[in-house]
Amino acid sequence: MATTTAVARFFASRDFTVASKTAIAGLRVEATDGPITTGSGDLLRGPTLSLVMGMAGRAAACEDLEGDGVAVLRARLGSG
């Protein structure tokens, strides 16, 4: 879990090889299984790994997420 949490924090803080920070801009991201909480706006909540995969552009991860922010993320990933 510590490694996944570290990756989630990294992805939430910058666009590196994927536009992860841009993907969650304006969203409140909360992990249900770890200490990740960042941002403000529509809620995007779920398991840390699913949040990471969503930030990495994997639309299938949205199936494991909840909150009004899911629709926003899906649209940004082109699957919504």
C-alpha atoms as a PDB file:
ATOM      1  CA  MET A   1       0.000   0.000   0.000  1.00  0.00           C
ATOM      2  CA  ALA A   2       2.847   2.436   0.739  1.00  0.00           C
ATOM      3  CA  THR A   3       4.120   2.203  -2.829  1.00  0.00           C
ATOM      4  CA  THR A   4       0.683   2.739  -4.344  1.00  0.00           C
ATOM      5  CA  THR A   5       0.142   5.720  -2.050  1.00  0.00           C
ATOM      6  CA  ALA A   6       3.464   7.220  -3.135  1.00  0.00           C
ATOM      7  CA  VAL A   7       2.550   6.795  -6.814  1.00  0.00           C
ATOM      8  CA  ALA A   8      -0.875   8.371  -6.213  1.00  0.00           C
ATOM      9  CA  ARG A   9       0.729  11.383  -4.527  1.00  0.00           C
ATOM     10  CA  PHE A  10       3.193  11.735  -7.400  1.00  0.00           C
ATOM     11  CA  PHE A  11       0.483  11.483 -10.075  1.00  0.00           C
ATOM     12  CA  ALA A  12      -1.745  13.984  -8.249  1.00  0.00           C
ATOM     13  CA  SER A  13       1.056  16.535  -8.014  1.00  0.00           C
ATOM     14  CA  ARG A  14       2.348  16.722 -11.600  1.00  0.00           C
ATOM     15  CA  ASP A  15       1.945  15.774 -15.206  1.00  0.00           C
ATOM     16  CA  PHE A  16       4.953  13.599 -15.977  1.00  0.00           C
ATOM     17  CA  THR A  17       4.656  10.873 -18.603  1.00  0.00           C
ATOM     18  CA  VAL A  18       0.858  11.042 -18.348  1.00  0.00           C
ATOM     19  CA  ALA A  19      -1.394  14.054 -17.763  1.00  0.00           C
ATOM     20  CA  SER A  20      -2.376  12.771 -14.323  1.00  0.00           C
ATOM     21  CA  LYS A  21      -2.568  16.124 -12.555  1.00  0.00           C
ATOM     22  CA  THR A  22      -4.618  17.545 -15.421  1.00  0.00           C
ATOM     23  CA  ALA A  23      -6.958  14.533 -15.319  1.00  0.00           C
ATOM     24  CA  ILE A  24      -7.985  15.327 -11.735  1.00  0.00           C
ATOM     25  CA  ALA A  25      -7.862  19.134 -11.877  1.00  0.00           C
ATOM     26  CA  GLY A  26     -10.878  20.573 -10.072  1.00  0.00           C
ATOM     27  CA  LEU A  27     -11.711  17.256  -8.366  1.00  0.00           C
ATOM     28  CA  ARG A  28     -11.585  16.202  -4.720  1.00  0.00           C
ATOM     29  CA  VAL A  29      -9.710  12.883  -4.745  1.00  0.00           C
ATOM     30  CA  GLU A  30     -10.100  10.561  -1.742  1.00  0.00           C
ATOM     31  CA  ALA A  31      -8.803   7.030  -1.288  1.00  0.00           C
ATOM     32  CA  THR A  32     -11.073   4.621   0.546  1.00  0.00           C
ATOM     33  CA  ASP A  33      -8.186   2.387   1.574  1.00  0.00           C
ATOM     34  CA  GLY A  34      -5.365   4.795   2.324  1.00  0.00           C
ATOM     35  CA  PRO A  35      -4.343   8.314   3.278  1.00  0.00           C
ATOM     36  CA  ILE A  36      -4.728  10.010  -0.120  1.00  0.00           C
ATOM     37  CA  THR A  37      -6.893  13.125  -0.040  1.00  0.00           C
ATOM     38  CA  THR A  38      -6.175  15.984  -2.414  1.00  0.00           C
ATOM     39  CA  GLY A  39      -7.819  18.740  -4.370  1.00  0.00           C
ATOM     40  CA  SER A  40     -11.223  20.333  -4.223  1.00  0.00           C
ATOM     41  CA  GLY A  41     -14.373  20.146  -6.287  1.00  0.00           C
ATOM     42  CA  ASP A  42     -16.505  17.181  -7.332  1.00  0.00           C
ATOM     43  CA  LEU A  43     -15.690  14.061  -5.322  1.00  0.00           C
ATOM     44  CA  LEU A  44     -13.716  11.212  -6.887  1.00  0.00           C
ATOM     45  CA  ARG A  45     -13.421   8.397  -4.347  1.00  0.00           C
ATOM     46  CA  GLY A  46     -12.235   4.801  -4.467  1.00  0.00           C
ATOM     47  CA  PRO A  47      -9.351   2.401  -3.892  1.00  0.00           C
ATOM     48  CA  THR A  48      -5.898   3.955  -4.259  1.00  0.00           C
ATOM     49  CA  LEU A  49      -4.913   1.678  -7.137  1.00  0.00           C
ATOM     50  CA  SER A  50      -8.068   2.579  -9.077  1.00  0.00           C
ATOM     51  CA  LEU A  51      -7.399   6.279  -8.498  1.00  0.00           C
ATOM     52  CA  VAL A  52      -3.849   5.835  -9.788  1.00  0.00           C
ATOM     53  CA  MET A  53      -5.058   3.934 -12.840  1.00  0.00           C
ATOM     54  CA  GLY A  54      -7.670   6.609 -13.545  1.00  0.00           C
ATOM     55  CA  MET A  55      -5.080   9.359 -13.239  1.00  0.00           C
ATOM     56  CA  ALA A  56      -2.895   7.355 -15.609  1.00  0.00           C
ATOM     57  CA  GLY A  57      -5.632   7.437 -18.243  1.00  0.00           C
ATOM     58  CA  ARG A  58      -7.164   4.001 -17.752  1.00  0.00           C
ATOM     59  CA  ALA A  59     -10.897   4.573 -18.193  1.00  0.00           C
ATOM     60  CA  ALA A  60     -11.751   1.056 -16.971  1.00  0.00           C
ATOM     61  CA  ALA A  61     -10.641   2.123 -13.487  1.00  0.00           C
ATOM     62  CA  CYS A  62     -13.677   4.420 -13.306  1.00  0.00           C
ATOM     63  CA  GLU A  63     -15.799   1.321 -12.669  1.00  0.00           C
ATOM     64  CA  ASP A  64     -14.262   1.121  -9.175  1.00  0.00           C
ATOM     65  CA  LEU A  65     -14.725   4.827  -8.396  1.00  0.00           C
ATOM     66  CA  GLU A  66     -17.658   6.797  -7.020  1.00  0.00           C
ATOM     67  CA  GLY A  67     -18.803  10.384  -6.692  1.00  0.00           C
ATOM     68  CA  ASP A  68     -19.746  13.182  -9.066  1.00  0.00           C
ATOM     69  CA  GLY A  69     -16.110  13.399 -10.170  1.00  0.00           C
ATOM     70  CA  VAL A  70     -16.330  10.034 -11.943  1.00  0.00           C
ATOM     71  CA  ALA A  71     -18.331  11.544 -14.804  1.00  0.00           C
ATOM     72  CA  VAL A  72     -15.794  14.360 -15.087  1.00  0.00           C
ATOM     73  CA  LEU A  73     -12.861  11.944 -15.198  1.00  0.00           C
ATOM     74  CA  ARG A  74     -14.616   9.701 -17.745  1.00  0.00           C
ATOM     75  CA  ALA A  75     -15.207  12.692 -20.017  1.00  0.00           C
ATOM     76  CA  ARG A  76     -11.576  13.751 -19.732  1.00  0.00           C
ATOM     77  CA  LEU A  77     -10.429  10.252 -20.590  1.00  0.00           C
ATOM     78  CA  GLY A  78     -12.690  10.199 -23.620  1.00  0.00           C
ATOM     79  CA  SER A  79     -14.975   7.491 -22.318  1.00  0.00           C
ATOM     80  CA  GLY A  80     -17.842   9.474 -21.056  1.00  0.00           C
END
